Amino acid sequence: MKNHPLQGKLAAAVGAALLVAAALFFISPPGAAADGKLVAPPSSQVAAEVMTRVQASSLPKLSPPAQNIDNESCLACHATPGLTTELPSGELLYLTIDRATYNDSVHGKLGYACVQCHTDITGFPHPEVTAQNRREFTLQKYTACAVCHQDKYQATLDSVHQKALAAGDTNAAVCTDCHGAHDVQPPDEPRTRIPQTCERCHSQIYDLYKDSVHGAALIGEGNPDVPTCIDCHGVHDVEGPSNSPFRLFSPQICARCHADKEKMAKYGISTDVFDTYLSDFHGTTVVIFEAIAPDQETNKPVCVDCHGVHDILPPDNPNSTVMQANLLTTCQKCHPDATTNFPTAWLSHYVPSPQHFALVYYVRLFYQILIPGLIGGMLFFVVVDGVRRLRNRQNRRKERGDA
């Protein structure tokens, strides 16, 4: 079958167009298309495309950092102060890399070369920039972290951040938002760096935390024992009320510290708080709920319902939700009909003793003595009476035998 003349002309035209496009790519400035405009997918597609690349199984493999690779060929241009390029959004993309800052970073100290992260750079001109704005550029580049940090990267896929990103929220935090790009430092040195990192997105929560009993001890006093954001929410697999039955299992989070006798002994805090919670009505029902419906929320109060979440205050603070003067208001969140004497039924996490709730202690002691004494006395009477009856029966048999 012969080709139609128009087919030959069409093929020739397509071939010529491809040759022209290829030539324009190689002679155009870095990041520019033939018409001088950067090509980028619509913003609504960015999150989906990023997640597709993240979950791809064919991530490139990098060799360990070679100590003899220097970055001078890159820094010959990128160490130039004020080096920028304008993105289609009008934002400036900063291309200057400070040599000292990078060398002082975690990667710089290990001798990592630029091209070990920027694996798409094989020479000049560089591949075209397809991002419409700086945020899209970040989302396109941060996946390079997965090459070396695969385990941590996989953990992020179930986090609240990645789920928000997959849902189209391009402002959700990614690796470089927390760790930085060319200035990566140990994330917990000093320990105050942890909440300050989270503050970049969660500033209102940080303001509550820094004035709380935990935050004031860490930020104000440098106390390393108090929890930071990641101790409660996790590091890379960040969880919160929006993606798990977080509230239901929150008492277990509190117990990590408050059931630790060695840690609590430093501050004179009783570890009975967890046991006393589990033994009362609220705690018992929460434990049952955990076993029966672990994927659902319970309507029974947990630690944070009474003490607060990020704004927890010492119980003797006038603004504390568990301060005696404020306790009725706290109880009325769940018990709107509670009256003034309602909170007096709560033992404040104390085990009754002569010093704390003496009346409860002595009443309990009375019954601890009365009940065993009463039951023990009855058992003693039954045994003694049984022995007496047995002996009387034997004596009567002997009397009949003698007769």
Protein backbone atom coordinates (compact mmCIF):
# COMPACT_ATOMS: atom_id res chain seq x y z
CA MET A 1 0.00 0.00 0.00
CA LYS A 2 1.49 3.38 -1.03
CA ASN A 3 1.67 6.41 1.28
CA HIS A 4 -0.47 9.40 0.38
CA PRO A 5 1.60 12.50 -0.67
CA LEU A 6 0.07 14.51 2.19
CA GLN A 7 1.31 11.95 4.71
CA GLY A 8 4.90 12.44 3.51
CA LYS A 9 4.61 16.20 3.79
CA LEU A 10 3.08 15.97 7.27
CA ALA A 11 5.88 13.68 8.49
CA ALA A 12 8.50 16.05 7.11
CA ALA A 13 6.84 19.01 8.84
CA VAL A 14 6.68 17.22 12.19
CA GLY A 15 10.34 16.19 11.90
CA ALA A 16 11.40 19.75 11.13
CA ALA A 17 9.39 21.08 14.08
CA LEU A 18 11.06 18.63 16.43
CA LEU A 19 14.52 19.65 15.17
CA VAL A 20 13.73 23.33 15.68
CA ALA A 21 12.36 22.68 19.19
CA ALA A 22 15.49 20.73 20.14
CA ALA A 23 17.74 23.49 18.82
CA LEU A 24 15.81 26.16 20.70
CA PHE A 25 16.10 24.13 23.93
CA PHE A 26 19.89 23.99 23.73
CA ILE A 27 20.44 27.62 22.74
CA SER A 28 17.85 29.20 25.05
CA PRO A 29 18.84 30.56 28.46
CA PRO A 30 18.51 28.13 31.36
CA GLY A 31 14.88 27.66 32.35
CA ALA A 32 13.43 29.40 29.31
CA ALA A 33 11.25 27.96 26.56
CA ALA A 34 11.35 29.09 22.91
CA ASP A 35 8.86 31.88 23.57
CA GLY A 36 10.83 33.12 26.57
CA LYS A 37 8.21 31.92 29.09
CA LEU A 38 8.67 29.20 31.66
CA VAL A 39 6.48 26.15 31.17
CA ALA A 40 4.68 24.86 34.27
CA PRO A 41 1.73 22.63 35.04
CA PRO A 42 -1.35 24.27 36.54
CA SER A 43 -1.03 24.86 40.30
CA SER A 44 -3.86 22.43 41.01
CA GLN A 45 -1.79 19.61 39.51
CA VAL A 46 1.40 20.24 41.50
CA ALA A 47 0.48 18.32 44.66
CA ALA A 48 -0.76 15.31 42.71
CA GLU A 49 2.37 15.24 40.55
CA VAL A 50 4.64 15.54 43.59
CA MET A 51 2.88 12.66 45.36
CA THR A 52 3.17 10.54 42.22
CA ARG A 53 6.92 11.07 42.15
CA VAL A 54 7.23 10.46 45.90
CA GLN A 55 5.45 7.12 45.75
CA ALA A 56 7.29 5.93 42.67
CA SER A 57 9.38 2.86 43.37
CA SER A 58 12.14 3.83 40.93
CA LEU A 59 13.83 6.54 42.99
CA PRO A 60 17.40 7.17 41.82
CA LYS A 61 20.19 5.75 43.95
CA LEU A 62 23.07 7.94 45.06
CA SER A 63 26.51 6.76 46.02
CA PRO A 64 27.88 7.71 49.46
CA PRO A 65 29.38 11.20 49.56
CA ALA A 66 32.85 11.31 48.08
CA GLN A 67 35.17 13.47 50.15
CA ASN A 68 37.26 14.45 47.13
CA ILE A 69 34.37 16.05 45.19
CA ASP A 70 34.41 19.83 45.46
CA ASN A 71 31.56 22.13 44.59
CA GLU A 72 33.65 24.92 43.09
CA SER A 73 32.35 24.34 39.58
CA CYS A 74 28.84 25.07 40.90
CA LEU A 75 29.88 27.88 43.24
CA ALA A 76 31.73 29.63 40.42
CA CYS A 77 28.27 30.92 39.50
CA HIS A 78 26.11 30.25 42.54
CA ALA A 79 28.39 32.00 45.02
CA THR A 80 27.69 35.26 43.17
CA PRO A 81 25.80 37.62 45.53
CA GLY A 82 22.30 38.59 44.46
CA LEU A 83 21.95 35.87 41.83
CA THR A 84 18.23 35.44 41.08
CA THR A 85 15.79 34.51 38.37
CA GLU A 86 12.21 35.68 38.00
CA LEU A 87 9.45 33.10 37.96
CA PRO A 88 6.18 33.51 36.03
CA SER A 89 4.46 34.56 39.29
CA GLY A 90 6.79 37.55 39.49
CA GLU A 91 8.58 36.08 42.53
CA LEU A 92 12.36 36.00 42.58
CA LEU A 93 14.01 32.61 42.95
CA TYR A 94 17.26 33.11 44.86
CA LEU A 95 20.12 31.14 43.32
CA THR A 96 23.00 32.40 45.45
CA ILE A 97 24.48 29.77 47.78
CA ASP A 98 26.63 31.00 50.63
CA ARG A 99 29.75 28.81 50.69
CA ALA A 100 30.32 29.17 54.46
CA THR A 101 26.69 28.41 55.30
CA TYR A 102 26.69 25.23 53.25
CA ASN A 103 30.07 24.08 54.54
CA ASP A 104 28.78 24.51 58.10
CA SER A 105 25.64 22.50 57.39
CA VAL A 106 25.15 18.79 58.15
CA HIS A 107 25.63 17.89 54.49
CA GLY A 108 28.55 20.23 54.01
CA LYS A 109 30.44 18.74 56.95
CA LEU A 110 29.90 15.27 55.50
CA GLY A 111 31.30 16.37 52.15
CA TYR A 112 28.18 15.99 50.06
CA ALA A 113 28.40 17.48 46.59
CA CYS A 114 25.69 19.65 45.04
CA VAL A 115 25.02 17.10 42.30
CA GLN A 116 24.23 14.39 44.83
CA CYS A 117 20.96 16.20 45.58
CA HIS A 118 20.54 18.02 42.28
CA THR A 119 20.69 14.82 40.27
CA ASP A 120 19.09 16.43 37.21
CA ILE A 121 22.04 18.80 36.78
CA THR A 122 24.55 17.36 34.33
CA GLY A 123 26.02 20.57 32.97
CA PHE A 124 25.10 23.95 31.60
CA PRO A 125 22.57 25.05 30.54
CA HIS A 126 20.54 23.51 33.34
CA PRO A 127 17.13 21.89 32.73
CA GLU A 128 14.34 24.39 32.40
CA VAL A 129 12.49 25.51 35.50
CA THR A 130 8.86 24.44 35.20
CA ALA A 131 7.59 25.93 38.47
CA GLN A 132 5.19 28.84 38.34
CA ASN A 133 6.23 30.15 41.76
CA ARG A 134 8.69 29.52 44.58
CA ARG A 135 6.39 27.13 46.40
CA GLU A 136 6.00 24.92 43.36
CA PHE A 137 9.77 24.96 42.97
CA THR A 138 10.14 23.69 46.56
CA LEU A 139 7.59 20.94 45.99
CA GLN A 140 9.39 19.81 42.89
CA LYS A 141 12.82 19.68 44.54
CA TYR A 142 12.29 18.34 48.08
CA THR A 143 11.74 14.75 46.92
CA ALA A 144 15.54 14.47 46.52
CA CYS A 145 15.62 13.87 50.30
CA ALA A 146 14.04 10.46 49.75
CA VAL A 147 17.16 9.18 48.03
CA CYS A 148 19.23 9.07 51.22
CA HIS A 149 16.49 9.24 53.85
CA GLN A 150 14.10 6.64 52.46
CA ASP A 151 12.87 5.34 55.86
CA LYS A 152 12.08 8.79 57.18
CA TYR A 153 10.58 9.78 53.86
CA GLN A 154 8.23 6.79 53.83
CA ALA A 155 7.16 7.66 57.38
CA THR A 156 6.01 11.09 56.21
CA LEU A 157 3.57 9.59 53.72
CA ASP A 158 1.09 8.79 56.52
CA SER A 159 1.58 12.12 58.29
CA VAL A 160 -0.92 14.97 58.46
CA HIS A 161 1.41 17.04 56.33
CA GLN A 162 1.63 14.64 53.40
CA LYS A 163 -2.08 13.87 53.53
CA ALA A 164 -2.80 17.57 53.31
CA LEU A 165 -0.39 17.86 50.39
CA ALA A 166 -2.02 14.93 48.61
CA ALA A 167 -5.39 16.65 49.10
CA GLY A 168 -4.09 19.69 47.25
CA ASP A 169 -2.84 21.91 50.08
CA THR A 170 0.50 22.99 48.62
CA ASN A 171 1.34 24.91 51.81
CA ALA A 172 1.63 21.68 53.82
CA ALA A 173 5.10 21.23 55.30
CA VAL A 174 7.69 19.18 53.43
CA CYS A 175 11.25 18.17 54.37
CA THR A 176 12.97 21.43 53.49
CA ASP A 177 10.37 23.53 55.31
CA CYS A 178 11.48 21.98 58.59
CA HIS A 179 15.13 21.11 57.94
CA GLY A 180 16.15 23.77 55.45
CA ALA A 181 17.85 23.20 52.11
CA HIS A 182 21.48 24.31 51.99
CA ASP A 183 21.68 25.20 55.69
CA VAL A 184 20.53 21.91 57.28
CA GLN A 185 21.46 21.70 60.97
CA PRO A 186 20.80 19.04 63.66
CA PRO A 187 17.06 19.50 64.30
CA ASP A 188 17.28 19.13 68.10
CA GLU A 189 20.44 21.06 68.93
CA PRO A 190 19.53 22.99 70.94
CA ARG A 191 16.29 21.31 71.94
CA THR A 192 14.43 24.62 71.73
CA ARG A 193 14.92 24.44 67.96
CA ILE A 194 12.15 21.83 67.75
CA PRO A 195 9.17 24.02 68.75
CA GLN A 196 10.73 27.00 66.98
CA THR A 197 10.72 24.96 63.77
CA CYS A 198 7.04 24.14 64.17
CA GLU A 199 6.36 27.81 64.91
CA ARG A 200 7.05 28.66 61.27
CA CYS A 201 3.61 27.29 60.40
CA HIS A 202 1.93 26.93 63.79
CA SER A 203 2.70 30.30 65.36
CA GLN A 204 -0.53 30.55 67.36
CA ILE A 205 0.01 27.14 68.91
CA TYR A 206 3.63 28.03 69.66
CA ASP A 207 2.47 31.15 71.52
CA LEU A 208 0.28 28.96 73.73
CA TYR A 209 3.02 26.38 74.23
CA LYS A 210 5.78 28.82 75.21
CA ASP A 211 3.67 30.12 78.10
CA SER A 212 2.57 26.66 79.25
CA VAL A 213 4.19 24.67 82.06
CA HIS A 214 6.09 22.63 79.47
CA GLY A 215 7.10 25.43 77.12
CA ALA A 216 8.17 27.81 79.89
CA ALA A 217 10.42 25.09 81.33
CA LEU A 218 12.02 24.34 77.96
CA ILE A 219 12.29 27.78 76.38
CA GLY A 220 12.73 29.79 79.55
CA GLU A 221 14.85 27.38 81.61
CA GLY A 222 16.32 25.00 79.04
CA ASN A 223 14.85 21.98 80.84
CA PRO A 224 15.45 18.92 78.60
CA ASP A 225 12.88 16.72 80.37
CA VAL A 226 9.74 18.48 79.22
CA PRO A 227 7.97 17.39 76.03
CA THR A 228 8.26 19.26 72.76
CA CYS A 229 5.93 19.09 69.76
CA ILE A 230 7.48 15.89 68.37
CA ASP A 231 7.24 14.02 71.69
CA CYS A 232 3.46 14.17 71.44
CA HIS A 233 2.83 14.37 67.70
CA GLY A 234 5.70 12.33 66.30
CA VAL A 235 8.59 13.38 64.08
CA HIS A 236 8.14 12.37 60.44
CA ASP A 237 4.89 10.43 60.95
CA VAL A 238 3.19 13.45 62.50
CA GLU A 239 -0.25 12.71 63.89
CA GLY A 240 -2.98 14.95 65.18
CA PRO A 241 -6.71 15.06 65.82
CA SER A 242 -7.40 15.35 62.10
CA ASN A 243 -5.91 12.04 60.94
CA SER A 244 -6.25 9.53 63.78
CA PRO A 245 -8.14 8.81 67.03
CA PHE A 246 -5.44 10.96 68.59
CA ARG A 247 -7.51 12.16 71.52
CA LEU A 248 -8.57 8.63 72.50
CA PHE A 249 -4.97 7.48 72.90
CA SER A 250 -3.63 10.77 74.29
CA PRO A 251 -3.48 9.50 77.91
CA GLN A 252 -0.81 7.06 76.77
CA ILE A 253 1.21 10.01 75.47
CA CYS A 254 0.95 11.78 78.82
CA ALA A 255 1.92 8.55 80.59
CA ARG A 256 5.30 8.45 78.82
CA CYS A 257 6.45 11.13 81.24
CA HIS A 258 3.91 11.15 84.05
CA ALA A 259 4.18 7.41 84.72
CA ASP A 260 7.99 7.58 84.70
CA LYS A 261 8.89 7.41 88.40
CA GLU A 262 12.52 8.37 87.91
CA LYS A 263 11.68 11.46 85.87
CA MET A 264 8.79 12.59 88.05
CA ALA A 265 10.86 12.14 91.23
CA LYS A 266 13.09 15.02 90.08
CA TYR A 267 10.16 17.42 90.34
CA GLY A 268 8.23 15.93 93.24
CA ILE A 269 5.34 14.96 90.97
CA SER A 270 3.39 11.83 91.84
CA THR A 271 3.19 9.09 89.24
CA ASP A 272 -0.19 8.14 90.68
CA VAL A 273 -1.85 10.58 88.27
CA PHE A 274 -2.03 7.98 85.52
CA ASP A 275 -3.10 5.07 87.73
CA THR A 276 -5.72 7.15 89.52
CA TYR A 277 -7.12 8.28 86.17
CA LEU A 278 -7.36 4.70 84.92
CA SER A 279 -9.04 3.57 88.11
CA ASP A 280 -11.83 6.15 88.07
CA PHE A 281 -14.95 6.08 85.92
CA HIS A 282 -13.54 8.24 83.13
CA GLY A 283 -10.32 6.31 82.68
CA THR A 284 -11.96 2.90 82.93
CA THR A 285 -14.45 3.72 80.19
CA VAL A 286 -11.70 5.13 77.94
CA VAL A 287 -9.69 1.91 78.30
CA ILE A 288 -12.77 -0.16 77.43
CA PHE A 289 -13.44 2.12 74.45
CA GLU A 290 -9.85 1.65 73.24
CA ALA A 291 -10.33 -2.11 73.22
CA ILE A 292 -13.77 -2.12 71.60
CA ALA A 293 -13.58 0.76 69.09
CA PRO A 294 -9.96 1.95 68.70
CA ASP A 295 -10.77 3.76 65.44
CA GLN A 296 -13.44 5.99 66.96
CA GLU A 297 -13.41 8.93 69.32
CA THR A 298 -14.75 8.60 72.85
CA ASN A 299 -16.98 11.13 74.52
CA LYS A 300 -15.33 10.50 77.90
CA PRO A 301 -12.77 13.06 79.12
CA VAL A 302 -9.07 12.41 78.69
CA CYS A 303 -6.16 14.35 80.16
CA VAL A 304 -6.29 17.22 77.66
CA ASP A 305 -10.00 17.85 78.24
CA CYS A 306 -9.31 18.92 81.81
CA HIS A 307 -5.73 20.19 81.71
CA GLY A 308 -5.66 21.77 78.26
CA VAL A 309 -3.64 20.87 75.18
CA HIS A 310 -0.86 23.28 74.28
CA ASP A 311 -1.70 25.72 77.08
CA ILE A 312 -1.31 23.39 80.09
CA LEU A 313 -0.59 25.37 83.26
CA PRO A 314 0.57 24.29 86.74
CA PRO A 315 -2.41 23.35 88.94
CA ASP A 316 -1.63 26.22 91.34
CA ASN A 317 -1.67 28.83 88.56
CA PRO A 318 -4.73 31.11 88.91
CA ASN A 319 -5.54 30.56 85.23
CA SER A 320 -5.20 26.78 85.31
CA THR A 321 -8.31 24.86 84.29
CA VAL A 322 -7.80 22.48 87.23
CA MET A 323 -7.28 25.22 89.82
CA GLN A 324 -9.88 24.73 92.57
CA ALA A 325 -11.58 28.03 91.73
CA ASN A 326 -11.87 27.08 88.05
CA LEU A 327 -12.68 23.42 88.47
CA LEU A 328 -16.46 23.77 88.33
CA THR A 329 -16.23 25.51 84.94
CA THR A 330 -14.03 22.69 83.67
CA CYS A 331 -16.45 20.02 84.88
CA GLN A 332 -19.40 21.84 83.33
CA LYS A 333 -17.92 21.29 79.85
CA CYS A 334 -19.27 17.74 80.11
CA HIS A 335 -21.64 18.12 83.07
CA PRO A 336 -23.57 21.35 82.41
CA ASP A 337 -25.84 20.73 85.40
CA ALA A 338 -22.93 20.38 87.85
CA THR A 339 -23.33 22.44 91.02
CA THR A 340 -20.75 24.02 93.31
CA ASN A 341 -20.06 20.87 95.33
CA PHE A 342 -19.72 18.66 92.25
CA PRO A 343 -15.89 18.96 91.91
CA THR A 344 -15.38 17.93 95.54
CA ALA A 345 -16.01 14.34 94.48
CA TRP A 346 -12.73 14.44 92.52
CA LEU A 347 -9.67 13.34 94.48
CA SER A 348 -7.27 15.41 92.37
CA HIS A 349 -5.28 12.33 91.31
CA TYR A 350 -4.26 11.73 94.93
CA VAL A 351 -4.39 8.33 96.54
CA PRO A 352 -6.35 8.99 99.79
CA SER A 353 -4.05 9.31 102.82
CA PRO A 354 -4.07 11.04 106.22
CA GLN A 355 -2.59 14.08 104.43
CA HIS A 356 -4.89 14.04 101.40
CA PHE A 357 -8.64 13.40 101.73
CA ALA A 358 -8.33 12.01 105.26
CA LEU A 359 -12.06 11.28 105.54
CA VAL A 360 -11.99 9.09 102.43
CA TYR A 361 -8.83 7.42 103.71
CA TYR A 362 -10.25 6.55 107.15
CA VAL A 363 -13.61 5.41 105.74
CA ARG A 364 -11.77 3.17 103.32
CA LEU A 365 -9.52 1.93 106.13
CA PHE A 366 -12.57 1.21 108.28
CA TYR A 367 -14.09 -0.96 105.58
CA GLN A 368 -10.74 -2.57 104.83
CA ILE A 369 -10.72 -3.74 108.44
CA LEU A 370 -14.45 -4.33 108.89
CA ILE A 371 -15.09 -6.44 105.80
CA PRO A 372 -12.15 -8.87 106.18
CA GLY A 373 -12.79 -8.99 109.93
CA LEU A 374 -16.48 -9.72 109.47
CA ILE A 375 -16.00 -12.33 106.77
CA GLY A 376 -12.99 -13.81 108.59
CA GLY A 377 -14.96 -13.97 111.84
CA MET A 378 -17.85 -15.73 110.12
CA LEU A 379 -15.50 -18.24 108.52
CA PHE A 380 -13.81 -18.82 111.89
CA PHE A 381 -17.23 -19.38 113.52
CA VAL A 382 -18.26 -21.84 110.79
CA VAL A 383 -15.01 -23.80 111.13
CA VAL A 384 -15.14 -23.89 114.94
CA ASP A 385 -18.81 -24.80 114.91
CA GLY A 386 -18.14 -27.58 112.38
CA VAL A 387 -15.32 -28.98 114.51
CA ARG A 388 -17.50 -28.87 117.64
CA ARG A 389 -20.37 -30.65 115.91
CA LEU A 390 -17.98 -33.30 114.57
CA ARG A 391 -16.55 -33.94 118.04
CA ASN A 392 -20.01 -34.10 119.60
CA ARG A 393 -21.02 -36.69 117.03
CA GLN A 394 -17.91 -38.77 117.75
CA ASN A 395 -18.51 -38.55 121.51
CA ARG A 396 -22.08 -39.78 121.11
CA ARG A 397 -20.89 -42.75 119.06
CA LYS A 398 -18.36 -43.64 121.77
CA GLU A 399 -21.06 -43.40 124.47
CA ARG A 400 -23.33 -45.75 122.52
CA GLY A 401 -20.43 -48.16 121.98
CA ASP A 402 -19.62 -48.23 125.69
CA ALA A 403 -23.20 -48.83 126.60
